[in-house]
Protein backbone atom coordinates (compact mmCIF):
# COMPACT_ATOMS: atom_id res chain seq x y z
CA MET A 1 -86.97 4.88 81.20
CA ARG A 2 -88.27 7.45 83.67
CA VAL A 3 -88.02 11.22 83.14
CA ALA A 4 -89.29 14.31 84.92
CA LEU A 5 -91.62 16.74 83.19
CA PHE A 6 -90.76 20.42 83.56
CA VAL A 7 -94.06 21.90 82.44
CA THR A 8 -93.02 25.63 82.39
CA CYS A 9 -95.06 28.58 83.65
CA LEU A 10 -96.86 29.39 80.41
CA VAL A 11 -98.00 25.82 79.81
CA ASP A 12 -99.07 25.40 83.43
CA THR A 13 -101.13 28.59 83.54
CA LEU A 14 -102.40 29.09 79.97
CA PHE A 15 -101.85 25.98 77.85
CA PRO A 16 -102.25 22.89 80.07
CA GLU A 17 -103.27 20.81 77.05
CA VAL A 18 -99.68 21.14 75.80
CA GLY A 19 -98.39 19.63 79.04
CA LYS A 20 -100.82 16.74 78.76
CA ALA A 21 -99.85 16.20 75.12
CA THR A 22 -96.18 16.14 76.10
CA VAL A 23 -96.86 13.36 78.59
CA ARG A 24 -98.79 11.34 76.00
CA ALA A 25 -96.03 11.74 73.41
CA LEU A 26 -93.38 10.64 75.90
CA GLU A 27 -95.43 7.68 77.11
CA ALA A 28 -96.01 6.62 73.50
CA ALA A 29 -92.22 6.55 73.14
CA GLY A 30 -91.99 4.14 76.07
CA VAL A 31 -91.07 6.70 78.73
CA GLU A 32 -92.46 6.83 82.26
CA VAL A 33 -93.13 10.43 83.25
CA ALA A 34 -92.84 11.88 86.75
CA PHE A 35 -94.11 15.33 87.70
CA PRO A 36 -92.31 17.02 90.61
CA ARG A 37 -95.02 19.21 92.13
CA GLU A 38 -92.51 21.53 93.83
CA GLN A 39 -91.39 22.98 90.48
CA THR A 40 -91.85 26.67 89.72
CA CYS A 41 -90.50 29.15 87.16
CA CYS A 42 -86.99 28.57 85.80
CA GLY A 43 -86.22 32.29 86.15
CA GLN A 44 -85.80 33.21 82.49
CA LEU A 45 -88.25 36.12 82.63
CA HIS A 46 -86.61 37.53 85.73
CA LEU A 47 -83.12 37.38 84.25
CA ASN A 48 -84.35 39.05 81.05
CA ALA A 49 -85.91 41.81 83.15
CA GLY A 50 -82.68 42.40 85.06
CA SER A 51 -83.71 40.74 88.34
CA GLY A 52 -80.59 38.63 88.75
CA ASP A 53 -81.11 37.83 92.43
CA VAL A 54 -84.58 36.42 91.79
CA ALA A 55 -83.33 34.50 88.76
CA ARG A 56 -80.56 33.01 90.91
CA ALA A 57 -83.00 31.94 93.63
CA LEU A 58 -85.24 30.29 91.05
CA ALA A 59 -82.24 28.55 89.48
CA GLU A 60 -81.31 27.16 92.90
CA ARG A 61 -84.86 25.90 93.37
CA PHE A 62 -84.92 24.32 89.92
CA VAL A 63 -81.72 22.40 90.62
CA ARG A 64 -82.99 21.29 94.03
CA VAL A 65 -86.31 20.05 92.63
CA PHE A 66 -84.91 18.22 89.61
CA GLU A 67 -81.47 16.99 90.71
CA GLY A 68 -82.72 13.47 91.48
CA HIS A 69 -83.77 12.82 87.88
CA ASP A 70 -81.58 11.46 85.10
CA ALA A 71 -83.46 13.43 82.44
CA ILE A 72 -85.85 16.40 82.51
CA VAL A 73 -88.04 17.16 79.48
CA ALA A 74 -89.92 20.40 78.75
CA PRO A 75 -92.23 21.49 75.91
CA SER A 76 -90.23 24.71 75.48
CA GLY A 77 -87.05 25.47 73.59
CA SER A 78 -86.99 28.88 75.28
CA CYS A 79 -86.96 27.66 78.88
CA VAL A 80 -84.59 24.79 78.13
CA GLY A 81 -82.27 27.21 76.36
CA HIS A 82 -82.24 29.43 79.46
CA ILE A 83 -81.52 26.53 81.80
CA ARG A 84 -78.72 25.10 79.69
CA THR A 85 -77.12 28.49 79.03
CA TYR A 86 -77.49 30.50 82.24
CA VAL A 87 -78.27 28.35 85.28
CA SER A 88 -74.69 27.17 85.79
CA GLU A 89 -73.44 30.74 85.44
CA LEU A 90 -76.05 32.05 87.88
CA LEU A 91 -75.02 29.44 90.43
CA ALA A 92 -71.28 29.85 89.85
CA GLY A 93 -71.03 26.25 88.67
CA ARG A 94 -72.91 24.79 91.65
CA ASP A 95 -75.63 23.30 89.45
CA ARG A 96 -75.05 19.66 90.50
CA GLY A 97 -74.94 18.61 86.85
CA VAL A 98 -78.63 19.33 86.25
CA PRO A 99 -78.65 21.70 83.20
CA PRO A 100 -77.15 19.22 80.69
CA ARG A 101 -79.89 16.75 81.65
CA VAL A 102 -82.67 19.15 80.61
CA PHE A 103 -84.09 18.60 77.10
CA GLU A 104 -86.70 20.13 74.83
CA LEU A 105 -89.23 17.50 73.70
CA SER A 106 -87.97 16.94 70.13
CA GLN A 107 -84.38 17.12 71.32
CA PHE A 108 -85.09 14.29 73.75
CA LEU A 109 -87.18 12.11 71.42
CA VAL A 110 -84.84 12.30 68.45
CA GLY A 111 -81.46 12.96 70.03
CA GLU A 112 -81.69 10.84 73.19
CA LEU A 113 -84.19 8.11 72.31
CA GLY A 114 -83.71 7.97 68.54
CA ARG A 115 -87.50 8.00 68.12
CA VAL A 116 -89.46 9.78 65.40
CA ASP A 117 -92.73 7.84 65.53
CA THR A 118 -95.09 8.50 68.44
CA GLY A 119 -98.19 6.89 66.94
CA SER A 120 -99.86 10.24 66.26
CA THR A 121 -103.02 10.41 64.15
CA PHE A 122 -102.91 14.18 63.59
CA THR A 123 -104.22 15.20 60.17
CA GLY A 124 -103.74 18.47 58.33
CA ARG A 125 -101.52 20.78 56.30
CA VAL A 126 -98.86 22.09 58.70
CA THR A 127 -96.06 24.62 58.46
CA TYR A 128 -93.32 24.78 61.09
CA HIS A 129 -91.88 27.94 62.67
CA PRO A 130 -88.47 27.31 64.32
CA THR A 131 -88.43 29.60 67.35
CA CYS A 132 -85.30 31.65 68.02
CA HIS A 133 -84.14 29.75 71.10
CA SER A 134 -84.73 26.34 69.53
CA LEU A 135 -82.91 27.43 66.37
CA ARG A 136 -80.03 29.52 67.70
CA VAL A 137 -79.51 28.42 71.31
CA LEU A 138 -80.44 24.72 71.35
CA ARG A 139 -79.65 24.22 67.64
CA LEU A 140 -82.36 21.59 67.25
CA GLY A 141 -81.80 21.43 63.51
CA ARG A 142 -84.20 19.07 61.77
CA ALA A 143 -85.32 17.20 64.90
CA PRO A 144 -88.82 18.81 65.01
CA LEU A 145 -89.20 18.42 61.23
CA ARG A 146 -88.25 14.75 61.36
CA LEU A 147 -90.95 14.18 63.95
CA LEU A 148 -93.56 16.05 61.90
CA GLU A 149 -92.57 14.17 58.75
CA SER A 150 -93.14 10.88 60.56
CA VAL A 151 -96.83 11.62 61.23
CA PRO A 152 -98.79 9.94 58.40
CA GLY A 153 -101.62 12.49 58.33
CA VAL A 154 -99.41 15.59 58.28
CA ASP A 155 -98.83 17.43 54.99
CA LEU A 156 -95.73 19.43 55.97
CA VAL A 157 -95.12 22.58 53.93
CA ALA A 158 -92.04 24.79 54.13
CA LEU A 159 -92.34 28.20 55.74
CA PRO A 160 -90.67 31.04 53.77
CA ASP A 161 -88.02 32.91 55.79
CA ALA A 162 -88.58 30.38 58.54
CA ASP A 163 -85.56 31.53 60.54
CA THR A 164 -86.93 35.06 60.95
CA CYS A 165 -88.13 35.94 64.48
CA CYS A 166 -91.87 36.24 65.06
CA GLY A 167 -91.32 39.34 67.22
CA PHE A 168 -92.23 37.93 70.62
CA GLY A 169 -88.94 37.63 72.48
CA GLY A 170 -90.53 37.69 75.94
CA THR A 171 -90.19 41.19 77.37
CA PHE A 172 -89.12 42.46 73.92
CA ALA A 173 -92.77 42.41 72.79
CA VAL A 174 -93.68 44.64 75.72
CA LYS A 175 -90.75 47.04 75.58
CA ASN A 176 -90.70 47.34 71.79
CA ALA A 177 -94.35 46.86 70.88
CA ASP A 178 -94.27 48.62 67.50
CA VAL A 179 -91.26 46.68 66.25
CA SER A 180 -92.68 43.44 67.65
CA THR A 181 -95.99 44.01 65.85
CA ALA A 182 -94.25 44.75 62.56
CA MET A 183 -92.23 41.54 62.86
CA LEU A 184 -95.38 39.61 63.73
CA ASP A 185 -97.21 40.95 60.67
CA GLU A 186 -94.39 39.74 58.43
CA LYS A 187 -94.39 36.31 60.07
CA ILE A 188 -98.15 35.92 59.72
CA ALA A 189 -97.98 36.88 56.04
CA THR A 190 -95.46 34.12 55.38
CA VAL A 191 -97.51 31.61 57.41
CA GLU A 192 -100.66 32.38 55.43
CA SER A 193 -98.76 32.21 52.13
CA THR A 194 -98.12 28.49 52.70
CA GLY A 195 -101.82 27.58 52.60
CA ALA A 196 -101.35 25.63 55.83
CA ASP A 197 -104.21 24.83 58.21
CA SER A 198 -101.88 25.04 61.22
CA VAL A 199 -98.64 26.71 62.21
CA CYS A 200 -96.55 24.55 64.54
CA ALA A 201 -93.71 25.43 66.92
CA CYS A 202 -92.06 24.02 70.04
CA ASP A 203 -92.71 27.10 72.20
CA SER A 204 -96.14 28.10 73.52
CA SER A 205 -94.89 31.66 74.02
CA CYS A 206 -94.21 32.26 70.33
CA LEU A 207 -97.39 30.41 69.38
CA MET A 208 -99.37 32.65 71.74
CA HIS A 209 -97.92 35.70 69.98
CA ILE A 210 -98.52 34.32 66.49
CA GLY A 211 -101.95 32.97 67.42
CA GLY A 212 -103.05 36.33 68.76
CA GLY A 213 -102.04 38.00 65.51
CA LEU A 214 -103.83 35.37 63.45
CA ARG A 215 -107.05 35.81 65.45
CA ARG A 216 -106.98 39.60 65.14
CA ARG A 217 -106.51 39.17 61.40
CA GLY A 218 -109.47 36.78 61.20
CA SER A 219 -107.23 34.05 59.79
CA SER A 220 -108.33 30.43 59.63
CA VAL A 221 -104.80 29.22 60.43
CA ARG A 222 -104.53 27.89 63.96
CA PRO A 223 -101.46 27.64 66.18
CA VAL A 224 -100.57 24.15 67.40
CA HIS A 225 -97.72 23.06 69.63
CA LEU A 226 -95.41 20.29 68.42
CA ALA A 227 -96.47 18.12 71.37
CA GLU A 228 -100.10 18.38 70.28
CA VAL A 229 -99.22 17.11 66.81
CA LEU A 230 -97.14 14.24 68.21
CA ALA A 231 -99.50 13.09 70.97
CA PRO A 232 -101.50 9.95 70.09
């Protein structure tokens, strides 16, 4: 099977190791991965900021770049949630059937391929934070947890109040910094209470927010993307 990788802006510019790990996890599941070099931002940030015309232009570009692929996989519940929810609306239905073919990594592995074992050798005590878009928009359910549970070296521990937002929310963290910081402090306290070595999520954006708070606190807990745990 051949799929296209939508790497997302944040992974491309700040966390390229997550993109590479996504490719390795997919290849371990027997998938051939293509990378359309013409891809750019999906437009989520622009829509959130009220720039509808720019978001629409980026949606048109996304459809044009990816329409020739049967499946598109991204290491981001947030971006996939945007594409599946808003791209068709932005384009007045002229999306050429692309949005339903876009999947978050765990959604694709578990839901489309029926795979939970990627041959990972990751070792450590891990707690999982279900990001808001993956939880409430994509409704991934236990897919990420099933994948983590399948890794022999992972000691998966439950995160208290796991469904509580970490406070990032894209532009929310900028526009409402005090509230965002208070939410982050609460999330970090619950993460540290688990005794985990790593906090895992399927969005680099939320992990960047949580990781920054952990570093400022001098915590030994490190943020790790789901793809990095799954990659052999």
